[in-house]
Protein backbone atom coordinates (compact mmCIF):
# COMPACT_ATOMS: atom_id res chain seq x y z
CA MET A 1 -63.83 -34.21 32.37
CA ARG A 2 -65.53 -31.14 30.91
CA LEU A 3 -63.82 -27.80 31.42
CA THR A 4 -65.57 -25.07 33.37
CA HIS A 5 -65.95 -21.75 31.60
CA GLY A 6 -63.25 -20.15 33.75
CA GLY A 7 -60.93 -23.11 33.19
CA ALA A 8 -61.47 -22.91 29.43
CA VAL A 9 -60.64 -19.18 29.46
CA TRP A 10 -57.35 -19.74 31.26
CA LEU A 11 -56.48 -22.74 29.10
CA MET A 12 -57.13 -20.65 26.00
CA VAL A 13 -54.71 -18.04 27.37
CA VAL A 14 -52.05 -20.77 27.65
CA VAL A 15 -52.87 -21.87 24.10
CA THR A 16 -52.33 -18.36 22.75
CA LEU A 17 -48.98 -18.16 24.56
CA MET A 18 -47.90 -21.41 22.88
CA TRP A 19 -49.06 -20.14 19.49
CA ALA A 20 -47.14 -16.90 20.08
CA THR A 21 -43.77 -18.65 20.14
CA ALA A 22 -43.77 -19.02 16.33
CA GLY A 23 -42.36 -15.57 15.60
CA VAL A 24 -39.45 -15.61 18.03
CA VAL A 25 -38.46 -19.21 17.19
CA THR A 26 -38.61 -18.53 13.45
CA ARG A 27 -36.22 -15.60 13.85
CA HIS A 28 -33.57 -18.00 15.21
CA LEU A 29 -33.63 -20.34 12.19
CA ALA A 30 -30.35 -20.29 10.30
CA GLU A 31 -30.75 -22.15 6.98
CA ALA A 32 -34.37 -23.19 6.41
CA HIS A 33 -36.34 -21.09 3.92
CA SER A 34 -40.06 -20.18 3.81
CA PHE A 35 -41.79 -23.26 2.40
CA GLU A 36 -39.24 -25.58 3.98
CA ILE A 37 -40.07 -24.05 7.36
CA THR A 38 -43.76 -24.73 6.76
CA PHE A 39 -43.06 -28.28 5.53
CA TRP A 40 -40.98 -29.37 8.52
CA ARG A 41 -43.30 -27.75 11.07
CA SER A 42 -46.33 -29.46 9.53
CA LEU A 43 -44.50 -32.80 9.26
CA PHE A 44 -43.62 -32.72 12.96
CA THR A 45 -47.20 -31.66 13.72
CA THR A 46 -48.54 -34.62 11.76
CA LEU A 47 -46.26 -37.05 13.58
CA ALA A 48 -47.25 -35.60 16.94
CA LEU A 49 -50.96 -35.79 16.15
CA LEU A 50 -50.60 -39.41 15.01
CA VAL A 51 -49.41 -40.16 18.56
CA ILE A 52 -51.67 -37.79 20.52
CA LEU A 53 -55.00 -38.44 18.81
CA PRO A 54 -55.19 -42.25 19.29
CA LEU A 55 -54.19 -41.85 22.94
CA TRP A 56 -56.82 -39.15 23.45
CA ARG A 57 -59.69 -40.27 21.23
CA GLY A 58 -58.86 -43.89 20.40
CA ARG A 59 -58.23 -45.45 17.01
CA ALA A 60 -61.78 -44.56 15.95
CA VAL A 61 -60.58 -41.04 15.25
CA PHE A 62 -58.97 -42.26 12.03
CA SER A 63 -62.19 -43.85 10.78
CA GLN A 64 -63.77 -40.40 10.87
CA LEU A 65 -61.47 -39.36 8.03
CA ARG A 66 -63.50 -41.65 5.74
CA SER A 67 -66.94 -40.93 7.17
CA GLY A 68 -66.63 -37.23 7.94
CA GLY A 69 -68.07 -36.06 4.64
CA ARG A 70 -67.30 -33.10 2.41
CA GLU A 71 -67.46 -30.50 5.20
CA LEU A 72 -64.72 -32.27 7.18
CA TRP A 73 -62.34 -32.07 4.22
CA ILE A 74 -63.24 -28.45 3.51
CA SER A 75 -62.44 -27.71 7.15
CA GLY A 76 -59.13 -29.56 6.71
CA VAL A 77 -58.29 -27.39 3.70
CA CYS A 78 -59.01 -24.29 5.81
CA TRP A 79 -56.60 -25.54 8.47
CA ALA A 80 -53.98 -26.17 5.77
CA VAL A 81 -54.35 -22.62 4.46
CA MET A 82 -53.93 -21.23 7.99
CA PHE A 83 -50.89 -23.42 8.71
CA THR A 84 -49.18 -22.50 5.44
CA ALA A 85 -50.02 -18.81 5.15
CA PHE A 86 -48.95 -18.04 8.71
CA MET A 87 -45.44 -19.46 8.47
CA VAL A 88 -44.80 -18.12 4.97
CA ALA A 89 -45.98 -14.65 6.06
CA LEU A 90 -43.57 -14.72 9.02
CA THR A 91 -40.66 -15.08 6.60
CA MET A 92 -41.82 -12.06 4.59
CA ALA A 93 -42.91 -9.52 7.22
CA SER A 94 -42.33 -8.66 10.87
CA THR A 95 -43.97 -10.68 13.62
CA ALA A 96 -46.06 -7.68 14.67
CA SER A 97 -47.31 -7.06 11.13
CA VAL A 98 -48.32 -10.70 10.64
CA LEU A 99 -50.04 -11.04 14.00
CA VAL A 100 -51.90 -7.78 13.65
CA THR A 101 -53.16 -8.77 10.21
CA MET A 102 -54.25 -12.18 11.45
CA SER A 103 -56.17 -10.61 14.27
CA LEU A 104 -58.82 -9.40 11.87
CA GLY A 105 -60.27 -12.86 12.53
CA PRO A 106 -62.98 -11.76 15.00
CA LEU A 107 -64.22 -9.10 12.61
CA LEU A 108 -64.33 -11.50 9.65
CA THR A 109 -65.88 -14.26 11.75
CA ALA A 110 -68.58 -11.94 13.05
CA LEU A 111 -69.26 -10.73 9.52
CA ALA A 112 -69.50 -14.33 8.27
CA ALA A 113 -71.85 -15.20 11.12
CA ARG A 114 -74.10 -12.30 10.27
CA VAL A 115 -74.09 -12.67 6.46
CA PHE A 116 -74.00 -16.44 5.92
CA ILE A 117 -75.50 -17.92 9.10
CA GLY A 118 -77.79 -15.11 10.21
CA HIS A 119 -76.57 -15.08 13.81
CA ARG A 120 -77.10 -12.06 15.99
CA LEU A 121 -74.23 -11.18 18.31
CA PRO A 122 -74.75 -9.66 21.77
CA VAL A 123 -74.01 -5.96 22.13
CA ARG A 124 -71.05 -6.60 24.46
CA THR A 125 -69.35 -8.74 21.80
CA TRP A 126 -69.89 -6.16 19.07
CA ALA A 127 -68.48 -3.46 21.36
CA ALA A 128 -65.44 -5.57 22.20
CA ILE A 129 -64.83 -6.38 18.53
CA VAL A 130 -65.04 -2.68 17.62
CA VAL A 131 -62.57 -1.65 20.34
CA ALA A 132 -60.22 -4.50 19.47
CA GLY A 133 -60.53 -3.55 15.81
CA LEU A 134 -59.50 0.01 16.60
CA GLY A 135 -56.40 -1.23 18.40
CA ILE A 136 -55.54 -3.63 15.60
CA GLY A 137 -56.10 -0.97 12.95
CA TRP A 138 -53.79 1.42 14.79
CA MET A 139 -51.00 -1.15 14.95
CA TYR A 140 -51.65 -2.34 11.39
CA GLY A 141 -51.44 1.14 9.87
CA THR A 142 -48.23 1.91 11.70
CA GLN A 143 -46.54 -1.28 10.51
CA LEU A 144 -47.46 -0.56 6.89
CA MET A 145 -46.20 3.02 7.07
CA GLN A 146 -42.84 1.87 8.42
CA GLY A 147 -42.00 0.18 5.10
CA GLY A 148 -39.22 -2.37 4.65
CA ALA A 149 -39.63 -5.88 6.09
CA GLY A 150 -42.05 -4.72 8.75
CA GLY A 151 -44.43 -3.28 6.20
CA SER A 152 -44.19 -5.90 3.47
CA VAL A 153 -47.42 -5.61 1.50
CA LEU A 154 -47.05 -9.11 0.06
CA GLY A 155 -46.40 -10.60 3.50
CA THR A 156 -49.45 -8.77 4.82
CA LEU A 157 -51.62 -10.16 2.02
CA VAL A 158 -50.36 -13.68 2.71
CA ALA A 159 -51.10 -13.22 6.42
CA LEU A 160 -54.61 -12.05 5.53
CA CYS A 161 -55.32 -15.55 4.24
CA VAL A 162 -55.25 -16.80 7.86
CA PRO A 163 -58.31 -14.91 9.21
CA ILE A 164 -60.16 -15.44 5.91
CA ALA A 165 -59.59 -19.20 6.15
CA GLY A 166 -60.53 -19.12 9.84
CA ALA A 167 -63.82 -17.34 9.14
CA THR A 168 -64.53 -19.77 6.29
CA ASN A 169 -63.81 -22.72 8.57
CA TRP A 170 -66.19 -21.40 11.21
CA THR A 171 -68.93 -20.84 8.61
CA VAL A 172 -68.56 -24.37 7.20
CA VAL A 173 -68.70 -25.92 10.67
CA GLN A 174 -71.76 -23.90 11.66
CA HIS A 175 -73.52 -24.67 8.37
CA ALA A 176 -72.92 -28.38 8.89
CA HIS A 177 -74.16 -28.07 12.48
CA ALA A 178 -77.38 -26.44 11.26
CA LYS A 179 -77.97 -29.44 8.98
CA GLY A 180 -77.49 -31.84 11.91
CA HIS A 181 -74.01 -32.91 10.83
CA ASP A 182 -71.42 -31.88 13.43
CA ILE A 183 -67.81 -31.76 12.24
CA ASP A 184 -65.19 -33.23 14.54
CA LEU A 185 -62.38 -30.68 14.45
CA VAL A 186 -59.80 -33.15 15.71
CA PRO A 187 -59.43 -35.16 12.48
CA ALA A 188 -59.86 -31.89 10.53
CA VAL A 189 -56.68 -30.56 12.14
CA LEU A 190 -54.84 -33.75 11.17
CA ILE A 191 -56.12 -33.44 7.59
CA GLY A 192 -54.88 -29.84 7.51
CA ALA A 193 -51.41 -30.84 8.66
CA VAL A 194 -51.13 -33.67 6.11
CA LEU A 195 -52.36 -31.46 3.26
CA THR A 196 -49.83 -28.80 4.22
CA VAL A 197 -47.00 -31.34 4.12
CA LEU A 198 -48.06 -32.56 0.68
CA PHE A 199 -48.56 -29.06 -0.72
CA THR A 200 -45.30 -27.53 0.54
CA LEU A 201 -42.99 -30.49 -0.20
CA PRO A 202 -42.26 -29.57 -3.85
CA PHE A 203 -41.53 -25.96 -2.87
CA ALA A 204 -39.37 -27.01 0.11
CA LEU A 205 -36.83 -28.87 -2.00
CA PRO A 206 -33.88 -28.91 -1.85
CA PHE A 207 -33.81 -29.11 1.95
CA GLN A 208 -31.39 -26.69 3.59
CA ALA A 209 -32.37 -26.91 7.27
CA SER A 210 -29.54 -27.62 9.68
CA ALA A 211 -29.82 -29.89 12.73
CA HIS A 212 -30.30 -26.74 14.80
CA ASP A 213 -33.15 -25.65 12.53
CA LEU A 214 -34.80 -29.07 12.68
CA GLY A 215 -34.77 -28.95 16.46
CA LEU A 216 -36.51 -25.59 16.47
CA LEU A 217 -39.00 -26.70 13.82
CA ALA A 218 -39.76 -29.85 15.82
CA PHE A 219 -40.53 -27.60 18.79
CA LEU A 220 -42.87 -25.54 16.61
CA GLY A 221 -44.58 -28.61 15.22
CA VAL A 222 -45.25 -30.19 18.60
CA PHE A 223 -45.52 -27.37 21.14
CA GLN A 224 -46.53 -24.41 18.97
CA LEU A 225 -49.06 -26.24 16.81
CA ALA A 226 -50.03 -29.86 17.63
CA ILE A 227 -50.57 -29.59 21.38
CA PRO A 228 -52.23 -26.14 21.41
CA CYS A 229 -54.47 -27.23 18.51
CA VAL A 230 -55.79 -30.10 20.60
CA LEU A 231 -56.19 -27.86 23.65
CA SER A 232 -57.97 -25.18 21.60
CA VAL A 233 -60.50 -27.76 20.41
CA LEU A 234 -61.22 -28.60 24.05
CA CYS A 235 -61.70 -24.90 24.80
CA ALA A 236 -63.98 -24.47 21.80
CA GLN A 237 -66.32 -27.08 23.25
CA VAL A 238 -67.00 -24.74 26.18
CA LEU A 239 -66.47 -21.19 24.89
CA LYS A 240 -68.62 -19.34 22.38
CA ALA A 241 -67.16 -18.45 18.99
CA PRO A 242 -66.69 -14.71 19.69
CA GLU A 243 -65.00 -15.53 23.00
CA VAL A 244 -62.53 -17.87 21.31
CA ALA A 245 -61.83 -15.28 18.63
CA LEU A 246 -61.28 -12.49 21.13
CA LEU A 247 -59.14 -14.55 23.48
CA ALA A 248 -57.03 -15.59 20.50
CA LEU A 249 -56.12 -11.91 20.11
CA LEU A 250 -53.83 -12.36 23.11
CA GLU A 251 -51.46 -14.02 20.67
CA VAL A 252 -50.81 -10.56 19.24
CA ILE A 253 -49.60 -9.26 22.59
CA PHE A 254 -47.65 -12.38 23.53
CA GLY A 255 -46.13 -12.75 20.06
CA ILE A 256 -44.91 -9.15 19.82
CA ALA A 257 -43.53 -9.30 23.36
CA LEU A 258 -41.67 -12.57 22.75
CA ALA A 259 -40.23 -11.31 19.45
CA TRP A 260 -39.16 -8.12 21.22
CA ILE A 261 -37.50 -9.90 24.13
CA GLY A 262 -36.17 -12.96 22.32
CA ALA A 263 -35.34 -11.67 18.83
CA GLY A 264 -34.83 -7.93 19.20
CA GLU A 265 -37.88 -6.88 17.17
CA ASP A 266 -38.66 -3.61 18.93
CA PRO A 267 -42.37 -2.73 18.77
CA ALA A 268 -43.33 0.89 18.17
CA ALA A 269 -45.17 2.88 20.81
CA SER A 270 -48.29 2.72 18.65
CA VAL A 271 -48.10 -1.09 18.73
CA LEU A 272 -48.10 -1.04 22.51
CA THR A 273 -51.01 1.41 22.52
CA GLY A 274 -53.02 -0.73 20.13
CA GLY A 275 -52.22 -3.81 22.18
CA ALA A 276 -53.60 -2.11 25.28
CA LEU A 277 -56.88 -1.54 23.44
CA VAL A 278 -57.04 -5.19 22.46
CA ILE A 279 -56.43 -6.37 26.04
CA GLY A 280 -59.03 -3.89 27.28
CA ALA A 281 -61.58 -5.28 24.84
CA LEU A 282 -60.89 -8.82 26.03
CA VAL A 283 -61.25 -7.89 29.68
CA PHE A 284 -64.43 -5.91 28.96
CA ASN A 285 -66.04 -8.81 27.13
CA GLU A 286 -65.10 -11.44 29.70
CA LEU A 287 -66.18 -9.40 32.73
CA LEU A 288 -69.59 -8.79 31.18
CA ALA A 289 -69.76 -12.44 30.17
CA LEU A 290 -69.33 -13.50 33.79
CA ARG A 291 -72.42 -11.46 34.73
CA GLY A 292 -74.64 -13.10 32.12
CA ARG A 293 -73.66 -15.67 29.55
CA ARG A 294 -76.54 -15.23 27.10
CA THR A 295 -75.57 -15.24 23.45
CA THR A 296 -77.16 -16.09 20.14
CA VAL A 297 -74.20 -17.67 18.41
CA ALA A 298 -73.88 -21.44 18.11
CA ASP A 299 -72.41 -23.49 20.92
CA THR A 300 -69.49 -24.72 18.82
CA ALA A 301 -66.59 -22.34 18.28
CA VAL A 302 -63.77 -22.89 15.83
CA PRO A 303 -60.37 -21.82 17.16
CA GLY A 304 -58.04 -20.08 14.75
CA ALA A 305 -55.02 -22.25 15.16
CA HIS A 306 -52.15 -21.80 12.72
């Protein structure tokens, strides 16, 4: 059953809420360290996908790993970068700082679309991206000026790898689409999870995670990453790329709120102000989209899962 546009929007909102649990759950880990956190989350994600994908797409989904071509594996590497950089950044900087940095995704994606693909974006999308960018910039600058853990420059740079990899992933997928070779994002996500496990294993040793930590990391692997990744791919089959990117910004609001309520990370007033601008941009774009859904970007959007 194909999602309606309205159904895809609401499902994408649920996806962003699931993604947003990473920060608050990570703050409750007791023993696991940065790369070990990434390793266990990706391992549980891989195991979950090995169950979900055959049930959803059949065993043929695994044959696509061999026949998908170079672009599929490049896309998988992009997913691996997003998976790894996000969790490592969360251990180095505040949840708000990481999420705000990651939310540069729409700006980088739009820039990639313009420079590398030659797509023209509708005025409403450019306006929404500008307004959202102002809100993100306001929050971003405040977090950096605070110093300490919340303004970790290194953590911010690591987090910046997420939107860069997301924009690269989108460009690769669209380039392949233009050549008549569509990339199936489902096996690409699985490739990303497996590559992350292999890459982080040497840095994760010796394991220090307690049983409590493993339970939380299993939750992250299944409910914060595997399931929302699959759902986001479904949404991306209906929504345009700028819509996916803008809706994904809700993770900033949800993530900061959950970290505030569940882990005591109090957001500054400027963070709340910037968040209001982001939400306003999303509402503005979607209301105008309901009046007329004409756009010049490709039909396939790449969600920025992490």
